[in-house]
Amino acid sequence: MIEIEIQNETHQTVFRLKTVVVPRIGEGLRLQEPDGRWASYDVLDVWYQKAEYGDVWVPYLHVRMTPEEIGAVGLDNRNPMVDRTQAVPIEDFLKKFEGAEDHRTTPLNLDLGEIVGS
């Protein structure tokens, strides 16, 4: 058995779970909610840290409830971490970073045979 620390982004909680395998990024898993029902979660990140008790690497998971589950439960309306008043269309959001003029491409010379610094 492997003990995994799970950081739940949806509920902003951390807990430990004993399992036989470590899920990979992009895989889904079912976790029991605080109210006792089961919900689907996406694995966003997996990393390993050296344990305090020896030369052992402990897995950590970062998970978030799937969008379908969030919609079904209605958590998206009550999540205090999300400010819905700041929502903007993605096109408008990207314009802040793109600037007013079109991007110019920069030609790159990828000839590795070229002698640099001579």
PDB file of N, CA and C in Angstrom:
ATOM      1  N   MET A   1       0.844  -1.185   0.000  1.00  0.00           N
ATOM      2  CA  MET A   1       0.000   0.000   0.000  1.00  0.00           C
ATOM      3  C   MET A   1       0.885   1.243   0.000  1.00  0.00           C
ATOM      4  N   ILE A   2       0.425   2.239  -0.723  1.00  0.00           N
ATOM      5  CA  ILE A   2       1.122   3.519  -0.806  1.00  0.00           C
ATOM      6  C   ILE A   2       0.216   4.577  -0.188  1.00  0.00           C
ATOM      7  N   GLU A   3       0.791   5.431   0.630  1.00  0.00           N
ATOM      8  CA  GLU A   3       0.016   6.538   1.176  1.00  0.00           C
ATOM      9  C   GLU A   3       0.271   7.772   0.320  1.00  0.00           C
ATOM     10  N   ILE A   4      -0.798   8.362  -0.195  1.00  0.00           N
ATOM     11  CA  ILE A   4      -0.716   9.517  -1.081  1.00  0.00           C
ATOM     12  C   ILE A   4      -1.365  10.705  -0.388  1.00  0.00           C
ATOM     13  N   GLU A   5      -0.714  11.868  -0.486  1.00  0.00           N
ATOM     14  CA  GLU A   5      -1.357  13.088  -0.005  1.00  0.00           C
ATOM     15  C   GLU A   5      -2.086  13.722  -1.174  1.00  0.00           C
ATOM     16  N   ILE A   6      -3.376  14.011  -0.970  1.00  0.00           N
ATOM     17  CA  ILE A   6      -4.205  14.583  -2.021  1.00  0.00           C
ATOM     18  C   ILE A   6      -4.579  16.007  -1.648  1.00  0.00           C
ATOM     19  N   GLN A   7      -4.278  16.930  -2.545  1.00  0.00           N
ATOM     20  CA  GLN A   7      -4.645  18.329  -2.354  1.00  0.00           C
ATOM     21  C   GLN A   7      -5.833  18.601  -3.258  1.00  0.00           C
ATOM     22  N   ASN A   8      -6.983  18.849  -2.641  1.00  0.00           N
ATOM     23  CA  ASN A   8      -8.232  19.016  -3.351  1.00  0.00           C
ATOM     24  C   ASN A   8      -8.467  20.499  -3.622  1.00  0.00           C
ATOM     25  N   GLU A   9      -8.358  20.894  -4.886  1.00  0.00           N
ATOM     26  CA  GLU A   9      -8.534  22.290  -5.265  1.00  0.00           C
ATOM     27  C   GLU A   9      -9.985  22.737  -5.123  1.00  0.00           C
ATOM     28  N   THR A  10     -10.921  21.833  -5.354  1.00  0.00           N
ATOM     29  CA  THR A  10     -12.335  22.191  -5.299  1.00  0.00           C
ATOM     30  C   THR A  10     -12.753  22.627  -3.901  1.00  0.00           C
ATOM     31  N   HIS A  11     -12.345  21.870  -2.891  1.00  0.00           N
ATOM     32  CA  HIS A  11     -12.759  22.169  -1.518  1.00  0.00           C
ATOM     33  C   HIS A  11     -11.647  22.813  -0.688  1.00  0.00           C
ATOM     34  N   GLN A  12     -10.469  23.033  -1.310  1.00  0.00           N
ATOM     35  CA  GLN A  12      -9.327  23.613  -0.604  1.00  0.00           C
ATOM     36  C   GLN A  12      -8.992  22.797   0.652  1.00  0.00           C
ATOM     37  N   THR A  13      -8.890  21.472   0.474  1.00  0.00           N
ATOM     38  CA  THR A  13      -8.573  20.577   1.582  1.00  0.00           C
ATOM     39  C   THR A  13      -7.373  19.713   1.217  1.00  0.00           C
ATOM     40  N   VAL A  14      -6.764  19.117   2.229  1.00  0.00           N
ATOM     41  CA  VAL A  14      -5.654  18.185   2.058  1.00  0.00           C
ATOM     42  C   VAL A  14      -5.946  16.971   2.929  1.00  0.00           C
ATOM     43  N   PHE A  15      -5.782  15.774   2.362  1.00  0.00           N
ATOM     44  CA  PHE A  15      -5.977  14.555   3.134  1.00  0.00           C
ATOM     45  C   PHE A  15      -5.086  13.462   2.568  1.00  0.00           C
ATOM     46  N   ARG A  16      -4.958  12.384   3.298  1.00  0.00           N
ATOM     47  CA  ARG A  16      -4.135  11.250   2.872  1.00  0.00           C
ATOM     48  C   ARG A  16      -5.027  10.069   2.538  1.00  0.00           C
ATOM     49  N   LEU A  17      -4.582   9.287   1.550  1.00  0.00           N
ATOM     50  CA  LEU A  17      -5.335   8.152   1.067  1.00  0.00           C
ATOM     51  C   LEU A  17      -4.364   7.000   0.837  1.00  0.00           C
ATOM     52  N   LYS A  18      -4.747   5.812   1.264  1.00  0.00           N
ATOM     53  CA  LYS A  18      -3.917   4.627   1.010  1.00  0.00           C
ATOM     54  C   LYS A  18      -4.450   3.932  -0.224  1.00  0.00           C
ATOM     55  N   THR A  19      -3.534   3.608  -1.143  1.00  0.00           N
ATOM     56  CA  THR A  19      -3.923   2.994  -2.404  1.00  0.00           C
ATOM     57  C   THR A  19      -2.830   2.039  -2.872  1.00  0.00           C
ATOM     58  N   VAL A  20      -3.105   1.327  -3.929  1.00  0.00           N
ATOM     59  CA  VAL A  20      -2.135   0.378  -4.476  1.00  0.00           C
ATOM     60  C   VAL A  20      -1.340   1.016  -5.616  1.00  0.00           C
ATOM     61  N   VAL A  21      -1.960   1.933  -6.352  1.00  0.00           N
ATOM     62  CA  VAL A  21      -1.305   2.583  -7.486  1.00  0.00           C
ATOM     63  C   VAL A  21      -1.445   4.096  -7.368  1.00  0.00           C
ATOM     64  N   VAL A  22      -0.554   4.804  -8.057  1.00  0.00           N
ATOM     65  CA  VAL A  22      -0.609   6.263  -8.102  1.00  0.00           C
ATOM     66  C   VAL A  22      -1.195   6.655  -9.457  1.00  0.00           C
ATOM     67  N   PRO A  23      -2.335   7.377  -9.470  1.00  0.00           N
ATOM     68  CA  PRO A  23      -2.897   7.794 -10.759  1.00  0.00           C
ATOM     69  C   PRO A  23      -1.981   8.779 -11.469  1.00  0.00           C
ATOM     70  N   ARG A  24      -2.096   8.825 -12.784  1.00  0.00           N
ATOM     71  CA  ARG A  24      -1.288   9.737 -13.588  1.00  0.00           C
ATOM     72  C   ARG A  24      -2.061  11.017 -13.876  1.00  0.00           C
ATOM     73  N   ILE A  25      -1.341  12.041 -14.334  1.00  0.00           N
ATOM     74  CA  ILE A  25      -1.969  13.302 -14.721  1.00  0.00           C
ATOM     75  C   ILE A  25      -2.967  13.021 -15.837  1.00  0.00           C
ATOM     76  N   GLY A  26      -4.152  13.593 -15.714  1.00  0.00           N
ATOM     77  CA  GLY A  26      -5.192  13.408 -16.722  1.00  0.00           C
ATOM     78  C   GLY A  26      -6.143  12.273 -16.417  1.00  0.00           C
ATOM     79  N   GLU A  27      -5.763  11.381 -15.547  1.00  0.00           N
ATOM     80  CA  GLU A  27      -6.662  10.304 -15.173  1.00  0.00           C
ATOM     81  C   GLU A  27      -7.710  10.833 -14.199  1.00  0.00           C
ATOM     82  N   GLY A  28      -8.771  10.091 -14.083  1.00  0.00           N
ATOM     83  CA  GLY A  28      -9.822  10.468 -13.160  1.00  0.00           C
ATOM     84  C   GLY A  28      -9.880   9.517 -11.989  1.00  0.00           C
ATOM     85  N   LEU A  29     -10.464   9.986 -10.905  1.00  0.00           N
ATOM     86  CA  LEU A  29     -10.690   9.125  -9.766  1.00  0.00           C
ATOM     87  C   LEU A  29     -11.941   9.580  -9.047  1.00  0.00           C
ATOM     88  N   ARG A  30     -12.492   8.691  -8.260  1.00  0.00           N
ATOM     89  CA  ARG A  30     -13.697   8.992  -7.492  1.00  0.00           C
ATOM     90  C   ARG A  30     -13.292   9.169  -6.041  1.00  0.00           C
ATOM     91  N   LEU A  31     -13.743  10.266  -5.449  1.00  0.00           N
ATOM     92  CA  LEU A  31     -13.453  10.547  -4.050  1.00  0.00           C
ATOM     93  C   LEU A  31     -14.758  10.829  -3.329  1.00  0.00           C
ATOM     94  N   GLN A  32     -14.771  10.506  -2.051  1.00  0.00           N
ATOM     95  CA  GLN A  32     -15.971  10.744  -1.254  1.00  0.00           C
ATOM     96  C   GLN A  32     -15.996  12.197  -0.781  1.00  0.00           C
ATOM     97  N   GLU A  33     -17.122  12.834  -1.003  1.00  0.00           N
ATOM     98  CA  GLU A  33     -17.313  14.221  -0.625  1.00  0.00           C
ATOM     99  C   GLU A  33     -17.564  14.343   0.878  1.00  0.00           C
ATOM    100  N   PRO A  34     -17.430  15.546   1.433  1.00  0.00           N
ATOM    101  CA  PRO A  34     -17.717  15.730   2.861  1.00  0.00           C
ATOM    102  C   PRO A  34     -19.142  15.333   3.252  1.00  0.00           C
ATOM    103  N   ASP A  35     -20.083  15.427   2.304  1.00  0.00           N
ATOM    104  CA  ASP A  35     -21.470  15.050   2.614  1.00  0.00           C
ATOM    105  C   ASP A  35     -21.725  13.556   2.433  1.00  0.00           C
ATOM    106  N   GLY A  36     -20.701  12.785   2.061  1.00  0.00           N
ATOM    107  CA  GLY A  36     -20.829  11.332   1.967  1.00  0.00           C
ATOM    108  C   GLY A  36     -21.059  10.797   0.568  1.00  0.00           C
ATOM    109  N   ARG A  37     -21.419  11.638  -0.391  1.00  0.00           N
ATOM    110  CA  ARG A  37     -21.620  11.141  -1.753  1.00  0.00           C
ATOM    111  C   ARG A  37     -20.286  11.062  -2.483  1.00  0.00           C
ATOM    112  N   TRP A  38     -20.265  10.334  -3.603  1.00  0.00           N
ATOM    113  CA  TRP A  38     -19.048  10.155  -4.381  1.00  0.00           C
ATOM    114  C   TRP A  38     -19.059  11.094  -5.577  1.00  0.00           C
ATOM    115  N   ALA A  39     -17.896  11.631  -5.938  1.00  0.00           N
ATOM    116  CA  ALA A  39     -17.786  12.554  -7.069  1.00  0.00           C
ATOM    117  C   ALA A  39     -16.533  12.244  -7.875  1.00  0.00           C
ATOM    118  N   SER A  40     -16.565  12.616  -9.152  1.00  0.00           N
ATOM    119  CA  SER A  40     -15.428  12.403 -10.050  1.00  0.00           C
ATOM    120  C   SER A  40     -14.472  13.581  -9.981  1.00  0.00           C
ATOM    121  N   TYR A  41     -13.182  13.267  -9.966  1.00  0.00           N
ATOM    122  CA  TYR A  41     -12.128  14.274  -9.917  1.00  0.00           C
ATOM    123  C   TYR A  41     -11.115  14.013 -11.011  1.00  0.00           C
ATOM    124  N   ASP A  42     -10.524  15.089 -11.538  1.00  0.00           N
ATOM    125  CA  ASP A  42      -9.422  14.998 -12.497  1.00  0.00           C
ATOM    126  C   ASP A  42      -8.114  15.190 -11.753  1.00  0.00           C
ATOM    127  N   VAL A  43      -7.100  14.403 -12.115  1.00  0.00           N
ATOM    128  CA  VAL A  43      -5.768  14.566 -11.543  1.00  0.00           C
ATOM    129  C   VAL A  43      -5.058  15.645 -12.357  1.00  0.00           C
ATOM    130  N   LEU A  44      -4.745  16.765 -11.712  1.00  0.00           N
ATOM    131  CA  LEU A  44      -4.103  17.885 -12.387  1.00  0.00           C
ATOM    132  C   LEU A  44      -2.585  17.806 -12.347  1.00  0.00           C
ATOM    133  N   ASP A  45      -2.048  17.260 -11.257  1.00  0.00           N
ATOM    134  CA  ASP A  45      -0.600  17.225 -11.089  1.00  0.00           C
ATOM    135  C   ASP A  45      -0.226  16.078 -10.164  1.00  0.00           C
ATOM    136  N   VAL A  46       0.907  15.462 -10.435  1.00  0.00           N
ATOM    137  CA  VAL A  46       1.467  14.410  -9.583  1.00  0.00           C
ATOM    138  C   VAL A  46       2.934  14.736  -9.380  1.00  0.00           C
ATOM    139  N   TRP A  47       3.383  14.730  -8.140  1.00  0.00           N
ATOM    140  CA  TRP A  47       4.804  14.947  -7.879  1.00  0.00           C
ATOM    141  C   TRP A  47       5.206  14.124  -6.668  1.00  0.00           C
ATOM    142  N   TYR A  48       6.501  13.986  -6.491  1.00  0.00           N
ATOM    143  CA  TYR A  48       7.049  13.183  -5.403  1.00  0.00           C
ATOM    144  C   TYR A  48       7.990  14.046  -4.576  1.00  0.00           C
ATOM    145  N   GLN A  49       7.917  13.871  -3.272  1.00  0.00           N
ATOM    146  CA  GLN A  49       8.827  14.566  -2.370  1.00  0.00           C
ATOM    147  C   GLN A  49       9.444  13.546  -1.426  1.00  0.00           C
ATOM    148  N   LYS A  50      10.662  13.820  -1.044  1.00  0.00           N
ATOM    149  CA  LYS A  50      11.356  12.922  -0.127  1.00  0.00           C
ATOM    150  C   LYS A  50      10.702  12.992   1.248  1.00  0.00           C
ATOM    151  N   ALA A  51      10.433  11.840   1.815  1.00  0.00           N
ATOM    152  CA  ALA A  51       9.767  11.769   3.116  1.00  0.00           C
ATOM    153  C   ALA A  51      10.713  12.180   4.235  1.00  0.00           C
ATOM    154  N   GLU A  52      10.132  12.621   5.337  1.00  0.00           N
ATOM    155  CA  GLU A  52      10.913  13.036   6.492  1.00  0.00           C
ATOM    156  C   GLU A  52      11.525  11.840   7.226  1.00  0.00           C
ATOM    157  N   TYR A  53      11.002  10.654   6.983  1.00  0.00           N
ATOM    158  CA  TYR A  53      11.407   9.485   7.754  1.00  0.00           C
ATOM    159  C   TYR A  53      12.386   8.563   7.035  1.00  0.00           C
ATOM    160  N   GLY A  54      13.060   9.009   5.991  1.00  0.00           N
ATOM    161  CA  GLY A  54      14.062   8.152   5.362  1.00  0.00           C
ATOM    162  C   GLY A  54      14.193   8.413   3.880  1.00  0.00           C
ATOM    163  N   ASP A  55      14.848   7.498   3.201  1.00  0.00           N
ATOM    164  CA  ASP A  55      15.102   7.629   1.770  1.00  0.00           C
ATOM    165  C   ASP A  55      13.913   7.060   0.986  1.00  0.00           C
ATOM    166  N   VAL A  56      12.753   7.675   1.191  1.00  0.00           N
ATOM    167  CA  VAL A  56      11.508   7.241   0.556  1.00  0.00           C
ATOM    168  C   VAL A  56      10.883   8.464  -0.120  1.00  0.00           C
ATOM    169  N   TRP A  57      10.355   8.267  -1.323  1.00  0.00           N
ATOM    170  CA  TRP A  57       9.699   9.353  -2.046  1.00  0.00           C
ATOM    171  C   TRP A  57       8.190   9.174  -1.939  1.00  0.00           C
ATOM    172  N   VAL A  58       7.514  10.197  -1.449  1.00  0.00           N
ATOM    173  CA  VAL A  58       6.073  10.146  -1.203  1.00  0.00           C
ATOM    174  C   VAL A  58       5.344  10.858  -2.342  1.00  0.00           C
ATOM    175  N   PRO A  59       4.305  10.209  -2.928  1.00  0.00           N
ATOM    176  CA  PRO A  59       3.555  10.857  -4.003  1.00  0.00           C
ATOM    177  C   PRO A  59       2.523  11.849  -3.468  1.00  0.00           C
ATOM    178  N   TYR A  60       2.336  12.918  -4.220  1.00  0.00           N
ATOM    179  CA  TYR A  60       1.334  13.944  -3.926  1.00  0.00           C
ATOM    180  C   TYR A  60       0.477  14.129  -5.170  1.00  0.00           C
ATOM    181  N   LEU A  61      -0.816  14.325  -4.975  1.00  0.00           N
ATOM    182  CA  LEU A  61      -1.737  14.565  -6.073  1.00  0.00           C
ATOM    183  C   LEU A  61      -2.414  15.911  -5.891  1.00  0.00           C
ATOM    184  N   HIS A  62      -2.646  16.588  -6.988  1.00  0.00           N
ATOM    185  CA  HIS A  62      -3.433  17.817  -7.002  1.00  0.00           C
ATOM    186  C   HIS A  62      -4.652  17.495  -7.849  1.00  0.00           C
ATOM    187  N   VAL A  63      -5.850  17.552  -7.260  1.00  0.00           N
ATOM    188  CA  VAL A  63      -7.064  17.158  -7.969  1.00  0.00           C
ATOM    189  C   VAL A  63      -8.090  18.290  -7.968  1.00  0.00           C
ATOM    190  N   ARG A  64      -8.994  18.212  -8.950  1.00  0.00           N
ATOM    191  CA  ARG A  64     -10.113  19.153  -9.022  1.00  0.00           C
ATOM    192  C   ARG A  64     -11.325  18.385  -9.535  1.00  0.00           C
ATOM    193  N   MET A  65     -12.487  18.701  -8.999  1.00  0.00           N
ATOM    194  CA  MET A  65     -13.716  18.055  -9.425  1.00  0.00           C
ATOM    195  C   MET A  65     -13.937  18.314 -10.914  1.00  0.00           C
ATOM    196  N   THR A  66     -14.435  17.312 -11.627  1.00  0.00           N
ATOM    197  CA  THR A  66     -14.682  17.465 -13.060  1.00  0.00           C
ATOM    198  C   THR A  66     -15.752  18.527 -13.293  1.00  0.00           C
ATOM    199  N   PRO A  67     -15.689  19.209 -14.434  1.00  0.00           N
ATOM    200  CA  PRO A  67     -16.686  20.247 -14.716  1.00  0.00           C
ATOM    201  C   PRO A  67     -18.126  19.720 -14.683  1.00  0.00           C
ATOM    202  N   GLU A  68     -18.326  18.483 -15.128  1.00  0.00           N
ATOM    203  CA  GLU A  68     -19.668  17.904 -15.106  1.00  0.00           C
ATOM    204  C   GLU A  68     -20.187  17.780 -13.682  1.00  0.00           C
ATOM    205  N   GLU A  69     -19.321  17.323 -12.767  1.00  0.00           N
ATOM    206  CA  GLU A  69     -19.716  17.182 -11.368  1.00  0.00           C
ATOM    207  C   GLU A  69     -19.992  18.542 -10.736  1.00  0.00           C
ATOM    208  N   ILE A  70     -19.147  19.520 -11.051  1.00  0.00           N
ATOM    209  CA  ILE A  70     -19.335  20.863 -10.490  1.00  0.00           C
ATOM    210  C   ILE A  70     -20.684  21.420 -10.927  1.00  0.00           C
ATOM    211  N   GLY A  71     -21.013  21.244 -12.212  1.00  0.00           N
ATOM    212  CA  GLY A  71     -22.295  21.718 -12.714  1.00  0.00           C
ATOM    213  C   GLY A  71     -23.465  20.996 -12.087  1.00  0.00           C
ATOM    214  N   ALA A  72     -23.316  19.674 -11.887  1.00  0.00           N
ATOM    215  CA  ALA A  72     -24.405  18.892 -11.312  1.00  0.00           C
ATOM    216  C   ALA A  72     -24.662  19.261  -9.861  1.00  0.00           C
ATOM    217  N   VAL A  73     -23.601  19.559  -9.134  1.00  0.00           N
ATOM    218  CA  VAL A  73     -23.728  19.883  -7.716  1.00  0.00           C
ATOM    219  C   VAL A  73     -24.046  21.357  -7.521  1.00  0.00           C
ATOM    220  N   GLY A  74     -23.655  22.190  -8.482  1.00  0.00           N
ATOM    221  CA  GLY A  74     -23.878  23.624  -8.358  1.00  0.00           C
ATOM    222  C   GLY A  74     -22.791  24.317  -7.562  1.00  0.00           C
ATOM    223  N   LEU A  75     -21.615  23.683  -7.462  1.00  0.00           N
ATOM    224  CA  LEU A  75     -20.515  24.300  -6.708  1.00  0.00           C
ATOM    225  C   LEU A  75     -19.971  25.537  -7.394  1.00  0.00           C
ATOM    226  N   ASP A  76     -20.098  25.609  -8.727  1.00  0.00           N
ATOM    227  CA  ASP A  76     -19.534  26.760  -9.423  1.00  0.00           C
ATOM    228  C   ASP A  76     -20.200  28.060  -8.989  1.00  0.00           C
ATOM    229  N   ASN A  77     -21.418  27.988  -8.500  1.00  0.00           N
ATOM    230  CA  ASN A  77     -22.111  29.188  -8.036  1.00  0.00           C
ATOM    231  C   ASN A  77     -21.710  29.582  -6.625  1.00  0.00           C
ATOM    232  N   ARG A  78     -21.221  28.610  -5.831  1.00  0.00           N
ATOM    233  CA  ARG A  78     -20.923  28.910  -4.429  1.00  0.00           C
ATOM    234  C   ARG A  78     -19.444  28.930  -4.113  1.00  0.00           C
ATOM    235  N   ASN A  79     -18.587  28.714  -5.081  1.00  0.00           N
ATOM    236  CA  ASN A  79     -17.158  28.637  -4.812  1.00  0.00           C
ATOM    237  C   ASN A  79     -16.619  30.031  -4.463  1.00  0.00           C
ATOM    238  N   PRO A  80     -16.158  30.235  -3.231  1.00  0.00           N
ATOM    239  CA  PRO A  80     -15.671  31.563  -2.849  1.00  0.00           C
ATOM    240  C   PRO A  80     -14.345  31.934  -3.513  1.00  0.00           C
ATOM    241  N   MET A  81     -13.661  30.960  -4.130  1.00  0.00           N
ATOM    242  CA  MET A  81     -12.380  31.238  -4.773  1.00  0.00           C
ATOM    243  C   MET A  81     -12.561  31.824  -6.176  1.00  0.00           C
ATOM    244  N   VAL A  82     -13.793  31.821  -6.690  1.00  0.00           N
ATOM    245  CA  VAL A  82     -14.050  32.292  -8.051  1.00  0.00           C
ATOM    246  C   VAL A  82     -14.920  33.540  -7.983  1.00  0.00           C
ATOM    247  N   ASP A  83     -14.450  34.610  -8.582  1.00  0.00           N
ATOM    248  CA  ASP A  83     -15.203  35.857  -8.638  1.00  0.00           C
ATOM    249  C   ASP A  83     -15.835  35.963 -10.025  1.00  0.00           C
ATOM    250  N   ARG A  84     -17.112  35.660 -10.136  1.00  0.00           N
ATOM    251  CA  ARG A  84     -17.810  35.647 -11.426  1.00  0.00           C
ATOM    252  C   ARG A  84     -17.926  37.041 -12.041  1.00  0.00           C
ATOM    253  N   THR A  85     -17.781  38.091 -11.254  1.00  0.00           N
ATOM    254  CA  THR A  85     -17.896  39.446 -11.798  1.00  0.00           C
ATOM    255  C   THR A  85     -16.703  39.797 -12.680  1.00  0.00           C
ATOM    256  N   GLN A  86     -15.613  39.039 -12.584  1.00  0.00           N
ATOM    257  CA  GLN A  86     -14.427  39.316 -13.385  1.00  0.00           C
ATOM    258  C   GLN A  86     -14.387  38.519 -14.679  1.00  0.00           C
ATOM    259  N   ALA A  87     -15.422  37.756 -14.961  1.00  0.00           N
ATOM    260  CA  ALA A  87     -15.436  36.915 -16.159  1.00  0.00           C
ATOM    261  C   ALA A  87     -15.481  37.784 -17.412  1.00  0.00           C
ATOM    262  N   VAL A  88     -14.599  37.484 -18.373  1.00  0.00           N
ATOM    263  CA  VAL A  88     -14.563  38.168 -19.668  1.00  0.00           C
ATOM    264  C   VAL A  88     -14.378  37.112 -20.751  1.00  0.00           C
ATOM    265  N   PRO A  89     -14.855  37.390 -21.968  1.00  0.00           N
ATOM    266  CA  PRO A  89     -14.614  36.441 -23.059  1.00  0.00           C
ATOM    267  C   PRO A  89     -13.110  36.262 -23.282  1.00  0.00           C
ATOM    268  N   ILE A  90     -12.713  35.073 -23.681  1.00  0.00           N
ATOM    269  CA  ILE A  90     -11.298  34.755 -23.837  1.00  0.00           C
ATOM    270  C   ILE A  90     -10.638  35.666 -24.879  1.00  0.00           C
ATOM    271  N   GLU A  91     -11.379  36.073 -25.919  1.00  0.00           N
ATOM    272  CA  GLU A  91     -10.806  36.945 -26.944  1.00  0.00           C
ATOM    273  C   GLU A  91     -10.383  38.281 -26.332  1.00  0.00           C
ATOM    274  N   ASP A  92     -11.241  38.838 -25.473  1.00  0.00           N
ATOM    275  CA  ASP A  92     -10.919  40.112 -24.818  1.00  0.00           C
ATOM    276  C   ASP A  92      -9.739  39.961 -23.863  1.00  0.00           C
ATOM    277  N   PHE A  93      -9.681  38.825 -23.183  1.00  0.00           N
ATOM    278  CA  PHE A  93      -8.590  38.569 -22.251  1.00  0.00           C
ATOM    279  C   PHE A  93      -7.255  38.513 -23.000  1.00  0.00           C
ATOM    280  N   LEU A  94      -7.223  37.830 -24.126  1.00  0.00           N
ATOM    281  CA  LEU A  94      -5.983  37.678 -24.886  1.00  0.00           C
ATOM    282  C   LEU A  94      -5.530  38.987 -25.512  1.00  0.00           C
ATOM    283  N   LYS A  95      -6.446  39.883 -25.815  1.00  0.00           N
ATOM    284  CA  LYS A  95      -6.079  41.169 -26.413  1.00  0.00           C
ATOM    285  C   LYS A  95      -5.172  41.978 -25.482  1.00  0.00           C
ATOM    286  N   LYS A  96      -5.325  41.797 -24.184  1.00  0.00           N
ATOM    287  CA  LYS A  96      -4.474  42.523 -23.240  1.00  0.00           C
ATOM    288  C   LYS A  96      -3.009  42.150 -23.417  1.00  0.00           C
ATOM    289  N   PHE A  97      -2.748  40.942 -23.860  1.00  0.00           N
ATOM    290  CA  PHE A  97      -1.381  40.458 -23.988  1.00  0.00           C
ATOM    291  C   PHE A  97      -0.841  40.601 -25.402  1.00  0.00           C
ATOM    292  N   GLU A  98      -1.725  40.697 -26.379  1.00  0.00           N
ATOM    293  CA  GLU A  98      -1.289  40.739 -27.768  1.00  0.00           C
ATOM    294  C   GLU A  98      -0.898  42.129 -28.224  1.00  0.00           C
ATOM    295  N   GLY A  99      -1.472  43.147 -27.666  1.00  0.00           N
ATOM    296  CA  GLY A  99      -1.162  44.496 -28.095  1.00  0.00           C
ATOM    297  C   GLY A  99      -2.025  44.918 -29.266  1.00  0.00           C
ATOM    298  N   ALA A 100      -1.842  46.160 -29.709  1.00  0.00           N
ATOM    299  CA  ALA A 100      -2.691  46.724 -30.754  1.00  0.00           C
ATOM    300  C   ALA A 100      -2.239  46.327 -32.158  1.00  0.00           C
ATOM    301  N   GLU A 101      -0.971  45.998 -32.347  1.00  0.00           N
ATOM    302  CA  GLU A 101      -0.487  45.677 -33.689  1.00  0.00           C
ATOM    303  C   GLU A 101      -0.273  44.177 -33.842  1.00  0.00           C
ATOM    304  N   ASP A 102      -0.222  43.747 -35.091  1.00  0.00           N
ATOM    305  CA  ASP A 102       0.006  42.336 -35.374  1.00  0.00           C
ATOM    306  C   ASP A 102       1.427  41.947 -35.000  1.00  0.00           C
ATOM    307  N   HIS A 103       1.598  40.684 -34.703  1.00  0.00           N
ATOM    308  CA  HIS A 103       2.919  40.185 -34.348  1.00  0.00           C
ATOM    309  C   HIS A 103       3.773  40.015 -35.592  1.00  0.00           C
ATOM    310  N   ARG A 104       5.045  40.333 -35.461  1.00  0.00           N
ATOM    311  CA  ARG A 104       5.991  40.120 -36.554  1.00  0.00           C
ATOM    312  C   ARG A 104       6.785  38.863 -36.226  1.00  0.00           C
ATOM    313  N   THR A 105       6.935  38.014 -37.213  1.00  0.00           N
ATOM    314  CA  THR A 105       7.731  36.808 -36.998  1.00  0.00           C
ATOM    315  C   THR A 105       9.210  37.161 -37.068  1.00  0.00           C
ATOM    316  N   THR A 106       9.998  36.490 -36.288  1.00  0.00           N
ATOM    317  CA  THR A 106      11.445  36.698 -36.265  1.00  0.00           C
ATOM    318  C   THR A 106      12.100  35.497 -36.929  1.00  0.00           C
ATOM    319  N   PRO A 107      12.841  35.723 -38.018  1.00  0.00           N
ATOM    320  CA  PRO A 107      13.493  34.589 -38.667  1.00  0.00           C
ATOM    321  C   PRO A 107      14.624  34.044 -37.784  1.00  0.00           C
ATOM    322  N   LEU A 108      14.704  32.737 -37.710  1.00  0.00           N
ATOM    323  CA  LEU A 108      15.750  32.086 -36.922  1.00  0.00           C
ATOM    324  C   LEU A 108      16.670  31.308 -37.851  1.00  0.00           C
ATOM    325  N   ASN A 109      17.956  31.359 -37.586  1.00  0.00           N
ATOM    326  CA  ASN A 109      18.922  30.580 -38.332  1.00  0.00           C
ATOM    327  C   ASN A 109      19.273  29.369 -37.473  1.00  0.00           C
ATOM    328  N   LEU A 110      18.800  28.218 -37.873  1.00  0.00           N
ATOM    329  CA  LEU A 110      19.027  26.997 -37.101  1.00  0.00           C
ATOM    330  C   LEU A 110      20.137  26.141 -37.711  1.00  0.00           C
ATOM    331  N   ASP A 111      21.008  26.755 -38.490  1.00  0.00           N
ATOM    332  CA  ASP A 111      22.125  26.032 -39.098  1.00  0.00           C
ATOM    333  C   ASP A 111      23.154  25.776 -38.022  1.00  0.00           C
ATOM    334  N   LEU A 112      23.267  24.536 -37.564  1.00  0.00           N
ATOM    335  CA  LEU A 112      24.198  24.181 -36.499  1.00  0.00           C
ATOM    336  C   LEU A 112      25.642  24.126 -36.992  1.00  0.00           C
ATOM    337  N   GLY A 113      25.826  24.168 -38.315  1.00  0.00           N
ATOM    338  CA  GLY A 113      27.181  24.138 -38.844  1.00  0.00           C
ATOM    339  C   GLY A 113      27.857  25.489 -38.803  1.00  0.00           C
ATOM    340  N   GLU A 114      27.102  26.509 -38.523  1.00  0.00           N
ATOM    341  CA  GLU A 114      27.645  27.871 -38.472  1.00  0.00           C
ATOM    342  C   GLU A 114      28.549  28.042 -37.258  1.00  0.00           C
ATOM    343  N   ILE A 115      29.681  28.674 -37.449  1.00  0.00           N
ATOM    344  CA  ILE A 115      30.602  28.914 -36.338  1.00  0.00           C
ATOM    345  C   ILE A 115      30.210  30.217 -35.683  1.00  0.00           C
ATOM    346  N   VAL A 116      29.901  30.157 -34.398  1.00  0.00           N
ATOM    347  CA  VAL A 116      29.440  31.319 -33.670  1.00  0.00           C
ATOM    348  C   VAL A 116      30.602  31.906 -32.893  1.00  0.00           C
ATOM    349  N   GLY A 117      30.733  33.210 -32.895  1.00  0.00           N
ATOM    350  CA  GLY A 117      31.743  33.875 -32.092  1.00  0.00           C
ATOM    351  C   GLY A 117      33.096  34.003 -32.770  1.00  0.00           C
ATOM    352  N   SER A 118      33.210  33.729 -34.081  1.00  0.00           N
ATOM    353  CA  SER A 118      34.506  33.871 -34.740  1.00  0.00           C
ATOM    354  C   SER A 118      34.620  35.214 -35.387  1.00  0.00           C
TER     355      SER A 118
END
